[in-house]
Protein backbone atom coordinates (compact mmCIF):
# COMPACT_ATOMS: atom_id res chain seq x y z
CA MET A 1 -38.95 -135.50 107.63
CA THR A 2 -41.59 -137.28 105.56
CA PRO A 3 -40.74 -139.25 102.43
CA GLY A 4 -41.21 -137.41 99.17
CA THR A 5 -40.51 -134.00 100.69
CA ALA A 6 -38.70 -131.67 98.31
CA LEU A 7 -35.05 -130.73 98.76
CA PRO A 8 -34.34 -128.02 101.35
CA VAL A 9 -35.30 -124.60 100.12
CA ASP A 10 -32.01 -123.20 101.47
CA SER A 11 -29.73 -122.82 98.46
CA HIS A 12 -26.67 -123.56 100.62
CA GLN A 13 -28.14 -126.89 101.70
CA GLN A 14 -28.97 -127.73 98.11
CA LEU A 15 -25.35 -127.01 97.17
CA ARG A 16 -24.16 -129.33 99.96
CA ILE A 17 -26.37 -132.11 98.67
CA ARG A 18 -25.00 -131.61 95.14
CA ARG A 19 -21.47 -131.93 96.49
CA LEU A 20 -22.47 -135.08 98.33
CA LEU A 21 -23.82 -136.47 95.07
CA MET A 22 -20.42 -135.74 93.50
CA SER A 23 -18.88 -137.82 96.27
CA VAL A 24 -21.36 -140.60 95.57
CA ALA A 25 -20.34 -140.47 91.91
CA MET A 26 -16.74 -141.06 93.02
CA TYR A 27 -17.84 -144.16 94.91
CA VAL A 28 -19.68 -145.40 91.83
CA LEU A 29 -16.60 -144.90 89.65
CA SER A 30 -14.48 -146.69 92.23
CA ALA A 31 -16.68 -149.73 91.73
CA VAL A 32 -15.06 -150.20 88.30
CA PRO A 33 -11.63 -151.38 89.59
CA GLN A 34 -13.48 -153.34 92.28
CA GLY A 35 -15.48 -155.20 89.67
CA VAL A 36 -12.47 -155.82 87.42
CA SER A 37 -10.46 -157.12 90.38
CA LEU A 38 -13.28 -159.42 91.37
CA TYR A 39 -13.73 -160.67 87.80
CA ASN A 40 -10.04 -161.49 87.49
CA GLY A 41 -9.87 -163.14 90.89
CA ILE A 42 -7.49 -160.55 92.36
CA SER A 43 -9.70 -159.66 95.34
CA PRO A 44 -12.38 -161.79 97.07
CA ALA A 45 -16.08 -161.12 96.56
CA TRP A 46 -16.74 -160.36 100.22
CA VAL A 47 -14.44 -157.30 99.98
CA MET A 48 -16.60 -155.76 97.28
CA TYR A 49 -19.79 -156.56 99.20
CA THR A 50 -18.33 -154.97 102.34
CA TRP A 51 -17.18 -151.96 100.32
CA ALA A 52 -20.65 -151.52 98.77
CA ALA A 53 -22.46 -151.83 102.12
CA TYR A 54 -20.07 -149.35 103.76
CA ALA A 55 -20.49 -146.84 100.91
CA VAL A 56 -24.30 -147.05 101.01
CA VAL A 57 -24.58 -146.73 104.80
CA PHE A 58 -22.20 -143.80 105.18
CA ASN A 59 -23.43 -141.80 102.18
CA LEU A 60 -27.04 -142.35 103.22
CA GLY A 61 -26.14 -141.11 106.69
CA PHE A 62 -24.48 -137.97 105.28
CA TYR A 63 -27.46 -137.37 102.99
CA LEU A 64 -29.99 -137.63 105.82
CA ALA A 65 -27.89 -135.38 108.05
CA ILE A 66 -27.84 -132.65 105.38
CA ARG A 67 -31.39 -133.31 104.17
CA SER A 68 -32.84 -132.93 107.68
CA ASN A 69 -30.71 -129.83 108.43
CA PHE A 70 -29.05 -131.76 111.28
CA SER A 71 -25.67 -130.88 109.74
CA LEU A 72 -26.33 -127.19 110.44
CA ARG A 73 -25.32 -127.88 114.04
CA PHE A 74 -21.70 -128.36 112.95
CA ARG A 75 -19.13 -125.69 112.14
CA ASP A 76 -18.96 -127.12 108.62
CA PRO A 77 -22.53 -128.08 107.62
CA SER A 78 -21.11 -129.82 104.53
CA MET A 79 -19.27 -132.28 106.82
CA THR A 80 -16.44 -132.24 104.30
CA MET A 81 -13.79 -133.58 106.67
CA ALA A 82 -16.07 -136.39 107.88
CA GLN A 83 -16.87 -137.41 104.30
CA MET A 84 -13.18 -137.44 103.39
CA VAL A 85 -12.15 -139.48 106.44
CA ALA A 86 -14.91 -142.01 105.77
CA ALA A 87 -13.76 -142.39 102.16
CA ILE A 88 -10.08 -142.67 103.13
CA ILE A 89 -10.84 -145.45 105.62
CA LEU A 90 -12.75 -147.36 102.98
CA VAL A 91 -9.95 -147.00 100.41
CA LEU A 92 -7.29 -148.10 102.89
CA PHE A 93 -9.40 -151.15 103.73
CA THR A 94 -10.01 -152.21 100.14
CA GLN A 95 -6.37 -151.72 99.09
CA LEU A 96 -5.39 -154.37 101.65
CA TYR A 97 -6.85 -156.97 99.30
CA ALA A 98 -6.10 -155.22 96.00
CA GLY A 99 -2.87 -157.06 95.23
CA GLU A 100 -1.31 -155.88 91.99
CA ALA A 101 -4.19 -153.40 91.50
CA ARG A 102 -3.28 -151.46 94.66
CA GLY A 103 -2.07 -148.45 92.67
CA ALA A 104 -5.58 -147.85 91.30
CA TYR A 105 -6.91 -147.26 94.81
CA LEU A 106 -4.11 -144.86 95.67
CA VAL A 107 -5.34 -142.66 92.79
CA VAL A 108 -8.71 -142.51 94.56
CA LEU A 109 -6.99 -141.06 97.63
CA VAL A 110 -5.65 -138.24 95.48
CA ILE A 111 -9.19 -137.53 94.21
CA ILE A 112 -10.43 -137.42 97.81
CA MET A 113 -7.90 -134.69 98.62
CA VAL A 114 -9.11 -132.67 95.63
CA PHE A 115 -12.66 -133.00 96.98
CA GLY A 116 -11.50 -131.16 100.11
CA CYS A 117 -10.80 -127.95 98.17
CA PHE A 118 -14.51 -127.11 98.42
CA LYS A 119 -14.28 -126.22 102.12
CA LEU A 120 -10.96 -127.06 103.81
CA HIS A 121 -7.95 -124.81 104.26
CA THR A 122 -4.46 -125.72 103.07
CA ARG A 123 -3.35 -126.60 106.60
CA GLN A 124 -6.28 -128.94 107.14
CA LEU A 125 -5.68 -130.70 103.83
CA LEU A 126 -1.96 -131.04 104.51
CA ILE A 127 -2.51 -132.53 107.97
CA LEU A 128 -5.07 -134.97 106.56
CA SER A 129 -2.70 -136.01 103.77
CA LEU A 130 0.16 -136.65 106.22
CA LEU A 131 -2.12 -138.72 108.45
CA THR A 132 -3.25 -140.66 105.37
CA ILE A 133 0.38 -141.34 104.39
CA LEU A 134 1.09 -142.59 107.92
CA ALA A 135 -2.05 -144.77 107.91
CA TYR A 136 -1.07 -146.23 104.55
CA ALA A 137 2.40 -147.10 105.93
CA LEU A 138 0.78 -148.84 108.91
CA THR A 139 -1.25 -151.06 106.55
CA MET A 140 1.89 -152.55 105.01
CA PRO A 141 2.35 -155.21 107.72
CA LEU A 142 -1.28 -156.23 107.19
CA VAL A 143 -0.75 -156.43 103.43
CA ARG A 144 2.32 -158.59 104.02
CA GLU A 145 0.29 -160.86 106.32
CA ILE A 146 -2.52 -161.19 103.75
CA GLU A 147 -0.34 -161.69 100.65
CA GLY A 148 2.35 -163.85 102.23
CA GLU A 149 4.98 -164.81 99.68
CA ARG A 150 3.36 -162.67 97.00
CA PHE A 151 4.25 -159.55 99.00
CA ASN A 152 6.98 -157.53 97.27
CA LEU A 153 8.47 -155.04 99.71
CA ALA A 154 10.38 -153.11 97.06
CA VAL A 155 7.25 -152.49 94.99
CA GLU A 156 5.26 -151.47 98.08
CA VAL A 157 7.98 -149.02 99.15
CA ILE A 158 8.02 -147.47 95.68
CA LEU A 159 4.24 -147.06 95.80
CA TRP A 160 4.39 -145.56 99.26
CA CYS A 161 7.19 -143.15 98.34
CA SER A 162 5.37 -142.00 95.22
CA PHE A 163 2.16 -141.61 97.16
CA SER A 164 3.95 -139.73 99.97
CA ALA A 165 5.54 -137.33 97.48
CA PHE A 166 2.44 -136.45 95.48
CA LEU A 167 -0.32 -136.42 98.09
CA PRO A 168 0.99 -133.40 100.10
CA PHE A 169 1.54 -131.53 96.82
CA ILE A 170 -2.06 -132.23 95.79
CA SER A 171 -3.21 -131.10 99.23
CA ILE A 172 -1.32 -127.80 98.95
CA LEU A 173 -2.68 -127.28 95.44
CA GLY A 174 -6.24 -128.07 96.58
CA GLY A 175 -5.85 -125.74 99.57
CA SER A 176 -4.67 -122.94 97.28
CA ILE A 177 -7.72 -123.48 95.08
CA SER A 178 -9.92 -123.39 98.19
CA ASP A 179 -8.32 -120.14 99.40
CA LEU A 180 -8.73 -118.53 95.97
CA ARG A 181 -12.34 -119.68 95.86
CA LYS A 182 -13.06 -118.18 99.29
CA LYS A 183 -11.42 -114.89 98.31
CA LEU A 184 -13.52 -114.85 95.15
CA MET A 185 -16.68 -115.48 97.16
CA ALA A 186 -15.75 -112.67 99.56
CA SER A 187 -15.08 -110.34 96.61
CA ASN A 188 -18.43 -111.27 95.06
CA ALA A 189 -20.18 -110.59 98.37
CA GLN A 190 -18.52 -107.17 98.60
CA LEU A 191 -19.43 -106.46 94.98
CA GLN A 192 -23.06 -107.36 95.65
CA GLU A 193 -23.09 -105.10 98.69
CA VAL A 194 -21.62 -102.20 96.72
CA LEU A 195 -24.06 -102.84 93.89
CA GLN A 196 -26.94 -102.78 96.36
CA GLN A 197 -25.68 -99.50 97.81
CA VAL A 198 -25.34 -97.99 94.34
CA THR A 199 -28.86 -99.14 93.46
CA GLU A 200 -30.13 -97.66 96.71
CA LEU A 201 -28.46 -94.33 95.98
CA ALA A 202 -29.77 -94.37 92.41
CA THR A 203 -33.39 -94.91 93.45
CA HIS A 204 -33.72 -93.44 96.96
CA ASP A 205 -33.32 -90.05 98.58
CA GLU A 206 -30.27 -90.11 100.84
CA LEU A 207 -31.81 -88.05 103.65
CA THR A 208 -35.33 -89.44 104.00
CA GLY A 209 -34.89 -92.95 102.57
CA VAL A 210 -37.94 -92.64 100.31
CA TYR A 211 -37.67 -92.84 96.52
CA ASN A 212 -36.05 -90.02 94.62
CA ARG A 213 -37.64 -87.91 91.91
CA ARG A 214 -35.94 -89.61 88.96
CA TYR A 215 -37.04 -93.11 89.97
CA LEU A 216 -40.61 -92.04 90.72
CA LEU A 217 -40.97 -90.38 87.32
CA GLU A 218 -39.73 -93.62 85.76
CA MET A 219 -42.38 -95.61 87.66
CA LEU A 220 -45.04 -93.09 86.65
CA GLY A 221 -44.08 -93.60 83.01
CA HIS A 222 -44.49 -97.37 83.35
CA GLU A 223 -47.87 -96.95 85.05
CA LYS A 224 -49.04 -94.52 82.38
CA ASN A 225 -48.21 -97.03 79.63
CA ARG A 226 -49.99 -99.81 81.52
CA THR A 227 -53.05 -97.63 82.17
CA ASP A 228 -53.24 -96.50 78.55
CA ARG A 229 -53.48 -100.17 77.57
CA GLY A 230 -56.54 -100.56 79.77
CA GLY A 231 -55.09 -101.06 83.23
CA GLY A 232 -57.36 -98.89 85.38
CA GLY A 233 -56.22 -95.53 86.74
CA PHE A 234 -53.94 -93.87 89.26
CA CYS A 235 -53.48 -90.65 91.19
CA VAL A 236 -50.59 -88.44 92.21
CA CYS A 237 -50.52 -86.32 95.35
CA LEU A 238 -48.04 -83.47 95.67
CA PHE A 239 -47.20 -82.46 99.28
CA ASP A 240 -45.55 -79.24 100.39
CA LEU A 241 -44.70 -78.81 104.09
CA ASP A 242 -46.27 -75.60 105.35
CA HIS A 243 -43.94 -72.86 106.62
CA PHE A 244 -40.94 -75.15 106.37
CA LYS A 245 -38.55 -72.21 106.02
CA ARG A 246 -39.50 -71.14 109.53
CA VAL A 247 -38.28 -74.48 110.85
CA ASN A 248 -34.81 -73.90 109.40
CA ASP A 249 -34.78 -70.26 110.50
CA ASN A 250 -35.98 -70.88 114.07
CA TYR A 251 -34.46 -74.28 114.90
CA GLY A 252 -31.64 -74.81 112.38
CA HIS A 253 -31.12 -77.00 109.33
CA ALA A 254 -30.56 -80.13 111.44
CA ALA A 255 -34.09 -79.71 112.80
CA GLY A 256 -35.31 -79.25 109.24
CA ASP A 257 -33.70 -82.55 108.27
CA THR A 258 -35.40 -84.20 111.25
CA VAL A 259 -38.77 -82.86 110.12
CA LEU A 260 -38.28 -84.21 106.60
CA LYS A 261 -37.20 -87.66 107.81
CA THR A 262 -40.01 -87.86 110.39
CA PHE A 263 -42.58 -86.73 107.83
CA ALA A 264 -41.52 -89.52 105.44
CA ALA A 265 -41.38 -92.09 108.25
CA THR A 266 -44.91 -91.12 109.34
CA ILE A 267 -46.40 -91.54 105.88
CA GLU A 268 -44.74 -94.76 104.72
CA PRO A 269 -46.48 -97.15 107.20
CA LEU A 270 -49.85 -95.82 106.01
CA LEU A 271 -49.23 -96.78 102.39
CA ARG A 272 -49.77 -100.00 100.48
CA SER A 273 -46.83 -102.02 99.24
CA THR A 274 -47.67 -100.86 95.71
CA ASP A 275 -47.61 -97.14 96.54
CA PHE A 276 -44.58 -94.93 95.89
CA LEU A 277 -43.53 -91.98 98.02
CA ALA A 278 -40.70 -89.80 96.71
CA ARG A 279 -38.98 -86.64 97.74
CA TYR A 280 -39.73 -84.37 94.80
CA GLY A 281 -37.48 -81.51 95.83
CA GLY A 282 -36.73 -79.53 98.99
CA GLU A 283 -39.76 -79.89 101.27
CA GLU A 284 -41.98 -81.29 98.49
CA PHE A 285 -42.99 -84.95 98.34
CA LEU A 286 -44.85 -86.73 95.56
CA LEU A 287 -47.09 -89.68 96.38
CA PHE A 288 -47.95 -92.04 93.52
CA LEU A 289 -51.00 -94.27 94.12
CA PRO A 290 -51.41 -96.98 91.43
CA GLN A 291 -54.82 -98.50 90.78
CA THR A 292 -56.46 -95.74 92.80
CA SER A 293 -59.52 -93.59 92.17
CA LEU A 294 -59.80 -89.97 93.21
CA GLU A 295 -62.10 -90.94 96.08
CA MET A 296 -59.64 -93.56 97.37
CA ALA A 297 -56.82 -91.01 97.15
CA GLN A 298 -58.79 -88.56 99.31
CA HIS A 299 -59.25 -91.23 102.01
CA CYS A 300 -55.52 -91.89 101.94
CA ILE A 301 -54.70 -88.20 102.32
CA LYS A 302 -57.08 -87.88 105.28
CA ARG A 303 -55.31 -90.76 107.06
CA ILE A 304 -52.00 -89.03 106.47
CA GLN A 305 -53.30 -85.70 107.81
CA GLU A 306 -54.63 -87.42 110.95
CA ALA A 307 -51.29 -89.15 111.51
CA LEU A 308 -49.36 -85.88 111.07
CA ALA A 309 -51.59 -84.17 113.61
CA GLY A 310 -50.30 -86.54 116.31
CA THR A 311 -46.67 -86.82 115.19
CA ARG A 312 -43.93 -85.57 117.49
CA PHE A 313 -40.54 -84.51 116.19
CA GLU A 314 -37.39 -85.39 118.08
CA GLY A 315 -35.45 -82.39 119.36
CA LEU A 316 -38.35 -79.99 118.76
CA PRO A 317 -40.88 -78.64 121.30
CA PRO A 318 -43.63 -81.13 122.32
CA ASP A 319 -46.34 -78.93 120.83
CA PHE A 320 -44.49 -78.57 117.51
CA ARG A 321 -46.54 -79.90 114.60
CA VAL A 322 -46.11 -80.03 110.85
CA THR A 323 -48.90 -79.64 108.33
CA ALA A 324 -48.87 -80.01 104.58
CA SER A 325 -50.70 -78.53 101.64
CA ILE A 326 -51.64 -81.20 99.11
CA GLY A 327 -52.66 -81.17 95.50
CA VAL A 328 -54.28 -84.36 94.17
CA ALA A 329 -54.66 -85.20 90.49
CA GLN A 330 -56.14 -88.26 88.80
CA TYR A 331 -54.59 -89.51 85.59
CA TYR A 332 -56.67 -89.45 82.42
CA LEU A 333 -55.93 -91.60 79.39
CA GLN A 334 -53.22 -90.32 77.04
CA GLU A 335 -52.35 -87.46 79.40
CA GLY A 336 -48.65 -86.67 79.66
CA ILE A 337 -46.89 -87.15 83.00
CA PRO A 338 -45.59 -83.53 83.03
CA GLY A 339 -49.18 -82.31 82.51
CA LEU A 340 -50.44 -84.57 85.31
CA ILE A 341 -47.87 -83.25 87.76
CA GLU A 342 -48.53 -79.69 86.66
CA ARG A 343 -52.23 -80.13 87.49
CA SER A 344 -51.37 -81.46 90.95
CA ASP A 345 -48.96 -78.55 91.44
CA LYS A 346 -51.69 -76.03 90.59
CA ALA A 347 -54.02 -77.76 93.03
CA LEU A 348 -51.26 -77.54 95.65
CA TYR A 349 -50.92 -73.81 94.97
CA ARG A 350 -54.68 -73.37 95.56
CA ALA A 351 -54.38 -75.28 98.84
CA LYS A 352 -51.76 -72.80 99.99
CA GLN A 353 -53.86 -69.83 98.85
CA ASN A 354 -56.88 -71.20 100.69
CA GLY A 355 -55.14 -71.36 104.06
CA ARG A 356 -52.70 -74.32 103.92
CA ASN A 357 -53.06 -77.63 105.82
CA ARG A 358 -55.65 -78.76 103.31
CA MET A 359 -56.15 -80.84 100.19
CA GLU A 360 -57.30 -79.58 96.81
CA LEU A 361 -58.35 -81.70 93.85
CA ALA A 362 -57.08 -80.89 90.39
CA PRO A 363 -59.76 -80.42 87.73
CA PHE A 364 -59.26 -81.78 84.24
CA THR A 365 -60.53 -80.24 81.02
CA ARG A 366 -60.30 -82.54 78.05
CA PRO A 367 -58.98 -80.90 74.91
CA ILE A 368 -61.56 -80.15 72.24
CA LEU A 369 -60.92 -82.27 69.18
CA ILE A 370 -61.52 -80.39 65.89
C-alpha cells in the first residue's frame, strides 16, 4: 500500500475506518484527565508518555490492518473486540496511578462497552464486562502497593461495587442496541430486495425477462424529447414471430413460452447496452435503437435474422426454427410515438403479406403545411 493512496473504495471498509476514528477520538478525550492529573501532580509524567505511545501504536496498527484490507481475514473485519480489549488494558494500567482521579478512568470503561454495540452481541459484551470487573479487582493489590498509606480500601471497594453494578447493565443495554441495529439492517436489506423485485416487475416482462411495453413507451418518450432538442435520431423495429399459433397448437403452450424466452435470449446479446428490447404483446416484440439511422437498424436486423436461423429451442425438434416478420421505422422530428409505432406496424403487416421472414421499411410522408 503506497502512501497517499485513497481510502478503500469498499463502503464497509470506509465505515470501519470511521468507527476507528471514533475510537481515536475517545483516546484524545481521555488525554484531558491525564493532562489534569499530570498538571496537579497526581500521576507521574512517564504514565502519560506510556499511555500516549501505547495509544498511537495500537490505533495505527488497527488503522493499517483495516486500510490494507488485512482485517478482512477475520470474522469481524472491524476488529471490535480487539480494539475494546486494547483500550481496557490501557485504562486499567493508567488507573493504577490515578489516585483520587481513578473514578474518571472508570467512566472511560463504560464508554468502551458502549462502543461494542456496533458489532458485538449481548452475550459477548456481558462476558467482556465481567472479565473487566474481575481484572479491575485484581489491580487493587497493585494500587495498594503503589499508593501505600494513601490507599483507602473502603473507597476502592465502593468504586469497585459501583463499577460492578453498572458495567453489566451498560453491556446488556449496548447489546440490546446492537441486536436492534442488526434487525433493522436485516429489515432494510429485505426491503431493498423487495423494492428491487417490484421495480423488476414494473419494468420487465415476467416470462421473457426483457422490458415490458409500458416501460419501453416511457423510454421512447424520453428519447423523442431528446431528439426533438437536436439529439440525433432513432429507430423502432416491431417483430412478430411467424406462425406462432402453430407452435402452441402442435407442441403446447409450454413450448410456446420456451420459444418466446429463447427468442428474447437470442436477441439480447446482439444489442448494445443502450438498446431496449421489450415484449410488446403476445408474440410481438418491439426493439428500440437510440442514436441509430435506418441503415444501421437494417444491419442490426440482419444480424438478428442470422442468429435466429441457427437457434435451437429446448424441447422442440432439432430442425425446428423460428422466423420473424419485422417492420422498421425511423423517427422524424416532432412525430408522435403512436404514429411512429403505427408506421412500423404497417411495415410489419407488409412483411407478412410479402411472405414473412423478412424486413420491411416504413415510409414517411411529411404533412403538407398550408
